[in-house]
Amino acid sequence: MATSSNAKPSVVRLTLGAAGMLVGAVVGWGTGRLVKHGALDLSGAGWSDLAAGTIAAMLLASGLIIGLATFNPRLAARIIDPAGDRPARPSQVIFYRQQAAVLALAGLMMAAPVVATLVLAPLPPQLGQAIMAGVVALFLLQTLLNLTVWTRADEMMRQMIAEAGSICFWVLQGGLFLWAAAEKLNIAPALSAWDLMTILMGVYLVVSSVLSLRRGFN
């Protein structure tokens, strides 16, 4: 029995890992083709643009994988609880799809400004305003979905979200203060708002992933 129980999490993790690598390979191949044919110029991209693009791709891939998994109730249940053997209930499937939508929308919001400035440079002001309006609409929709997920989440998930937010606040507050002091003293380069946003998202993803693994979530 112990061997069977240990095998389930392993199969789920291997399946998710394989799916993630497949999506990553497709994204990498597509990006390489765009660069090769001159449709995408990465020479002007800063470190935060590249990092934001990577994070956006990870969020989109995660949302896509979870969303597709919900069409198999048993697989959807094992993504959250690898040791479980019961299929997800209809209400759980809807909850998982809402989580997938939150991840995908976050990826779209991060990708849009980077892709627009790299592909459409120099970006016309009118087009920039239109893209910004779309980002705002996605932000409002994601906020609504986030609130829905929070109200439907169980106590363990709510505690994990709260802990991730608290850890990120204290870590980033300290880091931001030290960097700002060094920047003021002219011993550190200035950071843009986009740089800071990318750092925030990266730290939050790392912290939330560690907390999820510690609680047995994938």
C-alpha atoms as a PDB file:
ATOM      1  CA  MET A   1       0.000   0.000   0.000  1.00  0.00           C
ATOM      2  CA  ALA A   2       2.814   2.438   0.824  1.00  0.00           C
ATOM      3  CA  THR A   3       4.418   1.827  -2.549  1.00  0.00           C
ATOM      4  CA  SER A   4       1.158   2.585  -4.367  1.00  0.00           C
ATOM      5  CA  SER A   5       0.624   5.760  -2.338  1.00  0.00           C
ATOM      6  CA  ASN A   6       4.138   6.979  -3.120  1.00  0.00           C
ATOM      7  CA  ALA A   7       3.743   6.125  -6.794  1.00  0.00           C
ATOM      8  CA  LYS A   8       0.728   8.387  -7.278  1.00  0.00           C
ATOM      9  CA  PRO A   9       2.496  11.633  -6.353  1.00  0.00           C
ATOM     10  CA  SER A  10       5.468  10.592  -8.487  1.00  0.00           C
ATOM     11  CA  VAL A  11       3.303   9.960 -11.557  1.00  0.00           C
ATOM     12  CA  VAL A  12       1.472  13.255 -11.093  1.00  0.00           C
ATOM     13  CA  ARG A  13       4.693  15.225 -10.682  1.00  0.00           C
ATOM     14  CA  LEU A  14       6.273  13.529 -13.693  1.00  0.00           C
ATOM     15  CA  THR A  15       3.175  14.235 -15.784  1.00  0.00           C
ATOM     16  CA  LEU A  16       3.107  17.886 -14.745  1.00  0.00           C
ATOM     17  CA  GLY A  17       6.843  18.200 -15.318  1.00  0.00           C
ATOM     18  CA  ALA A  18       6.569  16.686 -18.797  1.00  0.00           C
ATOM     19  CA  ALA A  19       3.675  18.992 -19.657  1.00  0.00           C
ATOM     20  CA  GLY A  20       5.624  21.995 -18.402  1.00  0.00           C
ATOM     21  CA  MET A  21       8.683  21.055 -20.455  1.00  0.00           C
ATOM     22  CA  LEU A  22       6.527  20.583 -23.545  1.00  0.00           C
ATOM     23  CA  VAL A  23       4.955  24.016 -23.169  1.00  0.00           C
ATOM     24  CA  GLY A  24       8.371  25.529 -22.457  1.00  0.00           C
ATOM     25  CA  ALA A  25       9.814  23.904 -25.569  1.00  0.00           C
ATOM     26  CA  VAL A  26       6.990  25.276 -27.730  1.00  0.00           C
ATOM     27  CA  VAL A  27       7.393  28.786 -26.276  1.00  0.00           C
ATOM     28  CA  GLY A  28      11.174  28.647 -26.703  1.00  0.00           C
ATOM     29  CA  TRP A  29      10.901  27.392 -30.276  1.00  0.00           C
ATOM     30  CA  GLY A  30       8.337  30.063 -31.150  1.00  0.00           C
ATOM     31  CA  THR A  31      10.443  32.825 -29.610  1.00  0.00           C
ATOM     32  CA  GLY A  32      13.527  31.596 -31.451  1.00  0.00           C
ATOM     33  CA  ARG A  33      11.685  31.620 -34.779  1.00  0.00           C
ATOM     34  CA  LEU A  34      10.407  35.158 -34.212  1.00  0.00           C
ATOM     35  CA  VAL A  35      13.906  36.379 -33.363  1.00  0.00           C
ATOM     36  CA  LYS A  36      15.416  34.581 -36.358  1.00  0.00           C
ATOM     37  CA  HIS A  37      12.961  36.150 -38.805  1.00  0.00           C
ATOM     38  CA  GLY A  38      13.310  39.630 -37.284  1.00  0.00           C
ATOM     39  CA  ALA A  39       9.766  39.789 -35.913  1.00  0.00           C
ATOM     40  CA  LEU A  40      11.090  40.010 -32.359  1.00  0.00           C
ATOM     41  CA  ASP A  41      14.154  42.028 -31.377  1.00  0.00           C
ATOM     42  CA  LEU A  42      15.486  41.158 -27.925  1.00  0.00           C
ATOM     43  CA  SER A  43      18.563  43.373 -28.198  1.00  0.00           C
ATOM     44  CA  GLY A  44      16.750  46.247 -26.509  1.00  0.00           C
ATOM     45  CA  ALA A  45      15.210  44.106 -23.781  1.00  0.00           C
ATOM     46  CA  GLY A  46      16.392  44.723 -20.234  1.00  0.00           C
ATOM     47  CA  TRP A  47      16.822  42.069 -17.574  1.00  0.00           C
ATOM     48  CA  SER A  48      13.385  42.816 -16.134  1.00  0.00           C
ATOM     49  CA  ASP A  49      11.762  42.415 -19.572  1.00  0.00           C
ATOM     50  CA  LEU A  50      13.349  38.992 -20.020  1.00  0.00           C
ATOM     51  CA  ALA A  51      12.485  37.973 -16.457  1.00  0.00           C
ATOM     52  CA  ALA A  52       8.903  39.230 -16.816  1.00  0.00           C
ATOM     53  CA  GLY A  53       8.543  37.345 -20.097  1.00  0.00           C
ATOM     54  CA  THR A  54       9.774  34.148 -18.445  1.00  0.00           C
ATOM     55  CA  ILE A  55       7.413  34.584 -15.494  1.00  0.00           C
ATOM     56  CA  ALA A  56       4.523  35.345 -17.849  1.00  0.00           C
ATOM     57  CA  ALA A  57       5.237  32.177 -19.838  1.00  0.00           C
ATOM     58  CA  MET A  58       5.312  30.133 -16.603  1.00  0.00           C
ATOM     59  CA  LEU A  59       1.992  31.603 -15.453  1.00  0.00           C
ATOM     60  CA  LEU A  60       0.345  31.009 -18.810  1.00  0.00           C
ATOM     61  CA  ALA A  61       1.673  27.445 -18.954  1.00  0.00           C
ATOM     62  CA  SER A  62       0.474  26.720 -15.403  1.00  0.00           C
ATOM     63  CA  GLY A  63      -2.975  28.124 -16.151  1.00  0.00           C
ATOM     64  CA  LEU A  64      -3.188  26.125 -19.379  1.00  0.00           C
ATOM     65  CA  ILE A  65      -2.081  22.855 -17.752  1.00  0.00           C
ATOM     66  CA  ILE A  66      -4.475  23.204 -14.810  1.00  0.00           C
ATOM     67  CA  GLY A  67      -7.302  24.277 -17.107  1.00  0.00           C
ATOM     68  CA  LEU A  68      -6.821  21.259 -19.372  1.00  0.00           C
ATOM     69  CA  ALA A  69      -6.528  18.938 -16.373  1.00  0.00           C
ATOM     70  CA  THR A  70      -9.985  19.981 -15.150  1.00  0.00           C
ATOM     71  CA  PHE A  71     -11.532  18.134 -18.088  1.00  0.00           C
ATOM     72  CA  ASN A  72     -10.434  14.936 -16.312  1.00  0.00           C
ATOM     73  CA  PRO A  73     -11.940  15.131 -12.786  1.00  0.00           C
ATOM     74  CA  ARG A  74      -9.618  12.449 -11.416  1.00  0.00           C
ATOM     75  CA  LEU A  75      -6.493  14.149 -12.760  1.00  0.00           C
ATOM     76  CA  ALA A  76      -7.732  17.522 -11.519  1.00  0.00           C
ATOM     77  CA  ALA A  77      -8.109  16.132  -7.999  1.00  0.00           C
ATOM     78  CA  ARG A  78      -4.620  14.606  -8.031  1.00  0.00           C
ATOM     79  CA  ILE A  79      -3.006  17.903  -9.012  1.00  0.00           C
ATOM     80  CA  ILE A  80      -4.080  19.287  -5.656  1.00  0.00           C
ATOM     81  CA  ASP A  81      -3.900  16.039  -3.676  1.00  0.00           C
ATOM     82  CA  PRO A  82      -1.539  13.554  -5.386  1.00  0.00           C
ATOM     83  CA  ALA A  83      -2.287  10.855  -2.804  1.00  0.00           C
ATOM     84  CA  GLY A  84      -6.053  11.090  -3.280  1.00  0.00           C
ATOM     85  CA  ASP A  85      -8.033   8.626  -5.373  1.00  0.00           C
ATOM     86  CA  ARG A  86     -11.413  10.358  -5.642  1.00  0.00           C
ATOM     87  CA  PRO A  87     -12.336  12.414  -8.720  1.00  0.00           C
ATOM     88  CA  ALA A  88     -12.931  16.124  -8.251  1.00  0.00           C
ATOM     89  CA  ARG A  89     -16.515  17.171  -7.599  1.00  0.00           C
ATOM     90  CA  PRO A  90     -18.181  19.601 -10.051  1.00  0.00           C
ATOM     91  CA  SER A  91     -17.766  22.455  -7.562  1.00  0.00           C
ATOM     92  CA  GLN A  92     -14.046  21.631  -7.221  1.00  0.00           C
ATOM     93  CA  VAL A  93     -13.629  21.554 -11.000  1.00  0.00           C
ATOM     94  CA  ILE A  94     -15.102  25.066 -11.218  1.00  0.00           C
ATOM     95  CA  PHE A  95     -12.774  26.198  -8.422  1.00  0.00           C
ATOM     96  CA  TYR A  96      -9.723  24.774 -10.207  1.00  0.00           C
ATOM     97  CA  ARG A  97     -10.761  26.443 -13.456  1.00  0.00           C
ATOM     98  CA  GLN A  98     -11.051  29.766 -11.661  1.00  0.00           C
ATOM     99  CA  GLN A  99      -7.522  29.285 -10.314  1.00  0.00           C
ATOM    100  CA  ALA A 100      -6.309  28.459 -13.828  1.00  0.00           C
ATOM    101  CA  ALA A 101      -7.954  31.626 -15.155  1.00  0.00           C
ATOM    102  CA  VAL A 102      -6.270  33.723 -12.453  1.00  0.00           C
ATOM    103  CA  LEU A 103      -2.853  32.358 -13.439  1.00  0.00           C
ATOM    104  CA  ALA A 104      -3.469  32.804 -17.167  1.00  0.00           C
ATOM    105  CA  LEU A 105      -4.714  36.368 -16.739  1.00  0.00           C
ATOM    106  CA  ALA A 106      -1.659  37.245 -14.644  1.00  0.00           C
ATOM    107  CA  GLY A 107       0.541  35.882 -17.416  1.00  0.00           C
ATOM    108  CA  LEU A 108      -1.294  37.887 -20.078  1.00  0.00           C
ATOM    109  CA  MET A 109      -1.018  41.098 -18.043  1.00  0.00           C
ATOM    110  CA  MET A 110       2.732  40.643 -17.602  1.00  0.00           C
ATOM    111  CA  ALA A 111       3.333  39.622 -21.206  1.00  0.00           C
ATOM    112  CA  ALA A 112       1.323  42.372 -22.902  1.00  0.00           C
ATOM    113  CA  PRO A 113       3.572  45.389 -22.100  1.00  0.00           C
ATOM    114  CA  VAL A 114       6.774  43.447 -22.834  1.00  0.00           C
ATOM    115  CA  VAL A 115       5.580  41.969 -26.130  1.00  0.00           C
ATOM    116  CA  ALA A 116       4.087  45.288 -27.246  1.00  0.00           C
ATOM    117  CA  THR A 117       7.265  47.270 -26.622  1.00  0.00           C
ATOM    118  CA  LEU A 118       9.499  44.652 -28.259  1.00  0.00           C
ATOM    119  CA  VAL A 119       7.375  43.739 -31.275  1.00  0.00           C
ATOM    120  CA  LEU A 120       5.747  47.107 -32.002  1.00  0.00           C
ATOM    121  CA  ALA A 121       8.644  49.434 -31.146  1.00  0.00           C
ATOM    122  CA  PRO A 122       8.445  52.365 -31.451  1.00  0.00           C
ATOM    123  CA  LEU A 123       5.025  52.020 -29.858  1.00  0.00           C
ATOM    124  CA  PRO A 124       2.512  54.697 -31.003  1.00  0.00           C
ATOM    125  CA  PRO A 125       0.876  56.519 -28.043  1.00  0.00           C
ATOM    126  CA  GLN A 126      -2.646  55.622 -29.177  1.00  0.00           C
ATOM    127  CA  LEU A 127      -1.791  51.935 -29.403  1.00  0.00           C
ATOM    128  CA  GLY A 128      -0.072  52.101 -26.007  1.00  0.00           C
ATOM    129  CA  GLN A 129      -3.228  53.586 -24.495  1.00  0.00           C
ATOM    130  CA  ALA A 130      -5.372  50.863 -26.075  1.00  0.00           C
ATOM    131  CA  ILE A 131      -3.093  48.116 -24.709  1.00  0.00           C
ATOM    132  CA  MET A 132      -3.126  49.766 -21.289  1.00  0.00           C
ATOM    133  CA  ALA A 133      -6.947  49.819 -21.352  1.00  0.00           C
ATOM    134  CA  GLY A 134      -6.878  46.087 -22.105  1.00  0.00           C
ATOM    135  CA  VAL A 135      -4.444  45.470 -19.226  1.00  0.00           C
ATOM    136  CA  VAL A 136      -6.743  47.406 -16.864  1.00  0.00           C
ATOM    137  CA  ALA A 137      -9.731  45.316 -18.008  1.00  0.00           C
ATOM    138  CA  LEU A 138      -7.768  42.100 -17.418  1.00  0.00           C
ATOM    139  CA  PHE A 139      -6.665  43.386 -14.015  1.00  0.00           C
ATOM    140  CA  LEU A 140     -10.264  44.080 -12.945  1.00  0.00           C
ATOM    141  CA  LEU A 141     -11.391  40.653 -14.167  1.00  0.00           C
ATOM    142  CA  GLN A 142      -8.519  38.916 -12.391  1.00  0.00           C
ATOM    143  CA  THR A 143      -9.247  40.840  -9.184  1.00  0.00           C
ATOM    144  CA  LEU A 144     -12.858  39.635  -9.300  1.00  0.00           C
ATOM    145  CA  LEU A 145     -11.711  36.041  -9.858  1.00  0.00           C
ATOM    146  CA  ASN A 146      -9.146  36.348  -7.072  1.00  0.00           C
ATOM    147  CA  LEU A 147     -11.845  37.447  -4.643  1.00  0.00           C
ATOM    148  CA  THR A 148     -14.036  34.542  -5.778  1.00  0.00           C
ATOM    149  CA  VAL A 149     -11.185  32.056  -5.272  1.00  0.00           C
ATOM    150  CA  TRP A 150     -10.460  33.516  -1.824  1.00  0.00           C
ATOM    151  CA  THR A 151     -14.090  33.194  -0.668  1.00  0.00           C
ATOM    152  CA  ARG A 152     -14.291  29.595  -1.915  1.00  0.00           C
ATOM    153  CA  ALA A 153     -10.871  28.477  -0.642  1.00  0.00           C
ATOM    154  CA  ASP A 154     -10.560  26.352   2.483  1.00  0.00           C
ATOM    155  CA  GLU A 155      -8.814  27.530   5.635  1.00  0.00           C
ATOM    156  CA  MET A 156      -5.481  25.884   4.741  1.00  0.00           C
ATOM    157  CA  MET A 157      -5.296  27.617   1.363  1.00  0.00           C
ATOM    158  CA  ARG A 158      -6.296  30.960   2.851  1.00  0.00           C
ATOM    159  CA  GLN A 159      -3.584  30.600   5.477  1.00  0.00           C
ATOM    160  CA  MET A 160      -1.029  29.766   2.783  1.00  0.00           C
ATOM    161  CA  ILE A 161      -2.004  32.839   0.739  1.00  0.00           C
ATOM    162  CA  ALA A 162      -1.831  35.038   3.834  1.00  0.00           C
ATOM    163  CA  GLU A 163       1.579  33.639   4.803  1.00  0.00           C
ATOM    164  CA  ALA A 164       2.953  34.173   1.301  1.00  0.00           C
ATOM    165  CA  GLY A 165       1.759  37.772   1.347  1.00  0.00           C
ATOM    166  CA  SER A 166       3.241  38.404   4.791  1.00  0.00           C
ATOM    167  CA  ILE A 167       6.634  36.883   3.942  1.00  0.00           C
ATOM    168  CA  CYS A 168       6.838  38.834   0.684  1.00  0.00           C
ATOM    169  CA  PHE A 169       5.904  42.078   2.446  1.00  0.00           C
ATOM    170  CA  TRP A 170       8.636  41.821   5.065  1.00  0.00           C
ATOM    171  CA  VAL A 171      11.313  40.481   2.717  1.00  0.00           C
ATOM    172  CA  LEU A 172      10.606  43.012  -0.025  1.00  0.00           C
ATOM    173  CA  GLN A 173      10.170  45.887   2.415  1.00  0.00           C
ATOM    174  CA  GLY A 174      13.624  45.249   3.844  1.00  0.00           C
ATOM    175  CA  GLY A 175      15.175  44.690   0.441  1.00  0.00           C
ATOM    176  CA  LEU A 176      13.551  47.799  -1.033  1.00  0.00           C
ATOM    177  CA  PHE A 177      14.739  49.963   1.862  1.00  0.00           C
ATOM    178  CA  LEU A 178      18.336  48.754   1.581  1.00  0.00           C
ATOM    179  CA  TRP A 179      18.376  49.186  -2.202  1.00  0.00           C
ATOM    180  CA  ALA A 180      16.765  52.638  -1.993  1.00  0.00           C
ATOM    181  CA  ALA A 181      19.362  53.712   0.568  1.00  0.00           C
ATOM    182  CA  ALA A 182      22.189  52.418  -1.645  1.00  0.00           C
ATOM    183  CA  GLU A 183      20.648  54.118  -4.672  1.00  0.00           C
ATOM    184  CA  LYS A 184      20.398  57.410  -2.770  1.00  0.00           C
ATOM    185  CA  LEU A 185      24.074  57.116  -1.865  1.00  0.00           C
ATOM    186  CA  ASN A 186      24.958  56.537  -5.541  1.00  0.00           C
ATOM    187  CA  ILE A 187      26.354  53.049  -4.932  1.00  0.00           C
ATOM    188  CA  ALA A 188      23.518  51.124  -6.639  1.00  0.00           C
ATOM    189  CA  PRO A 189      21.774  51.627 -10.001  1.00  0.00           C
ATOM    190  CA  ALA A 190      18.254  53.010 -10.118  1.00  0.00           C
ATOM    191  CA  LEU A 191      15.353  50.587 -10.520  1.00  0.00           C
ATOM    192  CA  SER A 192      12.238  51.331 -12.547  1.00  0.00           C
ATOM    193  CA  ALA A 193       8.699  50.520 -11.478  1.00  0.00           C
ATOM    194  CA  TRP A 194       8.737  47.632 -13.970  1.00  0.00           C
ATOM    195  CA  ASP A 195      11.953  46.292 -12.416  1.00  0.00           C
ATOM    196  CA  LEU A 196      10.355  46.361  -8.965  1.00  0.00           C
ATOM    197  CA  MET A 197       7.149  44.716 -10.208  1.00  0.00           C
ATOM    198  CA  THR A 198       9.138  41.902 -11.804  1.00  0.00           C
ATOM    199  CA  ILE A 199      11.114  41.334  -8.596  1.00  0.00           C
ATOM    200  CA  LEU A 200       7.869  41.309  -6.595  1.00  0.00           C
ATOM    201  CA  MET A 201       6.263  38.698  -8.858  1.00  0.00           C
ATOM    202  CA  GLY A 202       9.390  36.542  -8.866  1.00  0.00           C
ATOM    203  CA  VAL A 203       9.699  36.564  -5.074  1.00  0.00           C
ATOM    204  CA  TYR A 204       5.979  35.879  -4.620  1.00  0.00           C
ATOM    205  CA  LEU A 205       6.068  32.899  -6.996  1.00  0.00           C
ATOM    206  CA  VAL A 206       9.085  31.403  -5.220  1.00  0.00           C
ATOM    207  CA  VAL A 207       7.584  31.899  -1.752  1.00  0.00           C
ATOM    208  CA  SER A 208       4.130  30.597  -2.699  1.00  0.00           C
ATOM    209  CA  SER A 209       5.675  27.567  -4.455  1.00  0.00           C
ATOM    210  CA  VAL A 210       7.760  26.666  -1.386  1.00  0.00           C
ATOM    211  CA  LEU A 211       4.753  27.023   0.908  1.00  0.00           C
ATOM    212  CA  SER A 212       2.616  24.921  -1.462  1.00  0.00           C
ATOM    213  CA  LEU A 213       5.171  22.103  -1.534  1.00  0.00           C
ATOM    214  CA  ARG A 214       5.506  22.156   2.259  1.00  0.00           C
ATOM    215  CA  ARG A 215       1.735  21.665   2.555  1.00  0.00           C
ATOM    216  CA  GLY A 216       1.605  18.876   0.004  1.00  0.00           C
ATOM    217  CA  PHE A 217       0.158  20.889  -2.861  1.00  0.00           C
ATOM    218  CA  ASN A 218       1.708  20.633  -6.326  1.00  0.00           C
END
